[in-house]
Amino acid sequence: MVIVYGTRNNIKIKKNLGVNICPNCGMTTEKVLAAEKQQFTLFYIPIFSHTLRKGLICPNCGMYKTLTNAEFKEMSMN
């Protein structure tokens, strides 16, 4: 019998923060507040997950700025 297991990362967008200029690529894009979770899978079915990091993402270049929990909560409340 073969047991198929592994992990996968899942990014969940929490909030759009409006149009800003990205410091990495210099493009005018809409930054998003997101949380990245890593899921453990068994036979391609997610069993459990835990949060790896929370931060700001530039959709154009993929730059990820990690935030602390306090910063993330403050930005998600506004």
C-alpha atoms as a PDB file:
ATOM      1  CA  MET A   1       0.000   0.000   0.000  1.00  0.00           C
ATOM      2  CA  VAL A   2       1.256   3.469  -0.880  1.00  0.00           C
ATOM      3  CA  ILE A   3       0.573   6.393   1.453  1.00  0.00           C
ATOM      4  CA  VAL A   4       0.582   9.773  -0.297  1.00  0.00           C
ATOM      5  CA  TYR A   5       1.358  12.704   1.985  1.00  0.00           C
ATOM      6  CA  GLY A   6       2.868  16.161   1.675  1.00  0.00           C
ATOM      7  CA  THR A   7       2.439  19.871   2.286  1.00  0.00           C
ATOM      8  CA  ARG A   8       1.160  22.816   0.302  1.00  0.00           C
ATOM      9  CA  ASN A   9       1.071  26.546   0.891  1.00  0.00           C
ATOM     10  CA  ASN A  10      -2.175  28.474   0.612  1.00  0.00           C
ATOM     11  CA  ILE A  11      -2.365  32.284   0.507  1.00  0.00           C
ATOM     12  CA  LYS A  12      -5.632  33.809   1.711  1.00  0.00           C
ATOM     13  CA  ILE A  13      -6.274  37.471   0.876  1.00  0.00           C
ATOM     14  CA  LYS A  14      -7.785  39.256   3.856  1.00  0.00           C
ATOM     15  CA  LYS A  15      -8.190  42.832   2.603  1.00  0.00           C
ATOM     16  CA  ASN A  16      -7.342  45.153  -0.278  1.00  0.00           C
ATOM     17  CA  LEU A  17      -5.435  48.200   0.958  1.00  0.00           C
ATOM     18  CA  GLY A  18      -5.790  50.521  -2.012  1.00  0.00           C
ATOM     19  CA  VAL A  19      -3.509  51.673  -4.784  1.00  0.00           C
ATOM     20  CA  ASN A  20       0.138  52.288  -3.838  1.00  0.00           C
ATOM     21  CA  ILE A  21       3.512  52.392  -5.553  1.00  0.00           C
ATOM     22  CA  CYS A  22       5.482  49.206  -4.897  1.00  0.00           C
ATOM     23  CA  PRO A  23       9.011  49.922  -3.598  1.00  0.00           C
ATOM     24  CA  ASN A  24      10.336  46.793  -5.333  1.00  0.00           C
ATOM     25  CA  CYS A  25       8.990  47.059  -8.897  1.00  0.00           C
ATOM     26  CA  GLY A  26       7.949  50.740  -8.985  1.00  0.00           C
ATOM     27  CA  MET A  27       4.534  49.942 -10.482  1.00  0.00           C
ATOM     28  CA  THR A  28       1.271  51.443  -9.265  1.00  0.00           C
ATOM     29  CA  THR A  29      -0.678  48.433  -7.998  1.00  0.00           C
ATOM     30  CA  GLU A  30      -3.243  47.568  -5.364  1.00  0.00           C
ATOM     31  CA  LYS A  31      -1.538  46.076  -2.317  1.00  0.00           C
ATOM     32  CA  VAL A  32      -3.286  43.292  -0.446  1.00  0.00           C
ATOM     33  CA  LEU A  33      -3.139  42.080   3.135  1.00  0.00           C
ATOM     34  CA  ALA A  34      -2.738  38.307   3.174  1.00  0.00           C
ATOM     35  CA  ALA A  35      -1.986  35.323   5.409  1.00  0.00           C
ATOM     36  CA  GLU A  36       0.024  32.341   4.163  1.00  0.00           C
ATOM     37  CA  LYS A  37      -0.850  28.951   5.617  1.00  0.00           C
ATOM     38  CA  GLN A  38       0.926  25.654   5.231  1.00  0.00           C
ATOM     39  CA  GLN A  39      -1.334  22.614   5.027  1.00  0.00           C
ATOM     40  CA  PHE A  40      -0.352  19.024   5.728  1.00  0.00           C
ATOM     41  CA  THR A  41      -2.122  16.698   3.290  1.00  0.00           C
ATOM     42  CA  LEU A  42      -2.859  12.993   3.340  1.00  0.00           C
ATOM     43  CA  PHE A  43      -3.998  11.531   0.006  1.00  0.00           C
ATOM     44  CA  TYR A  44      -4.278  15.157  -1.274  1.00  0.00           C
ATOM     45  CA  ILE A  45      -6.821  16.016   1.454  1.00  0.00           C
ATOM     46  CA  PRO A  46      -5.808  18.812   3.876  1.00  0.00           C
ATOM     47  CA  ILE A  47      -5.596  17.385   7.411  1.00  0.00           C
ATOM     48  CA  PHE A  48      -4.405  20.393   9.436  1.00  0.00           C
ATOM     49  CA  SER A  49      -2.793  23.763   8.795  1.00  0.00           C
ATOM     50  CA  HIS A  50      -0.777  26.424  10.552  1.00  0.00           C
ATOM     51  CA  THR A  51      -0.014  30.038   9.672  1.00  0.00           C
ATOM     52  CA  LEU A  52       3.472  30.611   8.323  1.00  0.00           C
ATOM     53  CA  ARG A  53       3.436  34.374   7.913  1.00  0.00           C
ATOM     54  CA  LYS A  54       1.186  37.404   7.546  1.00  0.00           C
ATOM     55  CA  GLY A  55       1.977  40.456   5.485  1.00  0.00           C
ATOM     56  CA  LEU A  56       1.563  42.731   2.480  1.00  0.00           C
ATOM     57  CA  ILE A  57       1.788  41.386  -1.061  1.00  0.00           C
ATOM     58  CA  CYS A  58       2.380  43.218  -4.332  1.00  0.00           C
ATOM     59  CA  PRO A  59       0.330  41.332  -6.946  1.00  0.00           C
ATOM     60  CA  ASN A  60       2.559  42.570  -9.766  1.00  0.00           C
ATOM     61  CA  CYS A  61       6.021  41.383  -8.638  1.00  0.00           C
ATOM     62  CA  GLY A  62       5.091  39.111  -5.720  1.00  0.00           C
ATOM     63  CA  MET A  63       7.053  41.059  -3.088  1.00  0.00           C
ATOM     64  CA  TYR A  64       6.040  39.908   0.400  1.00  0.00           C
ATOM     65  CA  LYS A  65       6.577  42.188   3.411  1.00  0.00           C
ATOM     66  CA  THR A  66       6.122  40.226   6.635  1.00  0.00           C
ATOM     67  CA  LEU A  67       4.156  41.933   9.435  1.00  0.00           C
ATOM     68  CA  THR A  68       3.935  41.212  13.142  1.00  0.00           C
ATOM     69  CA  ASN A  69       0.630  39.990  14.591  1.00  0.00           C
ATOM     70  CA  ALA A  70      -0.095  43.415  16.102  1.00  0.00           C
ATOM     71  CA  GLU A  71       0.556  45.207  12.789  1.00  0.00           C
ATOM     72  CA  PHE A  72      -1.587  42.677  10.919  1.00  0.00           C
ATOM     73  CA  LYS A  73      -4.531  43.094  13.320  1.00  0.00           C
ATOM     74  CA  GLU A  74      -4.285  46.891  13.157  1.00  0.00           C
ATOM     75  CA  MET A  75      -4.279  46.931   9.337  1.00  0.00           C
ATOM     76  CA  SER A  76      -7.132  44.439   9.068  1.00  0.00           C
ATOM     77  CA  MET A  77      -9.336  46.465  11.452  1.00  0.00           C
ATOM     78  CA  ASN A  78      -9.039  49.745   9.478  1.00  0.00           C
END
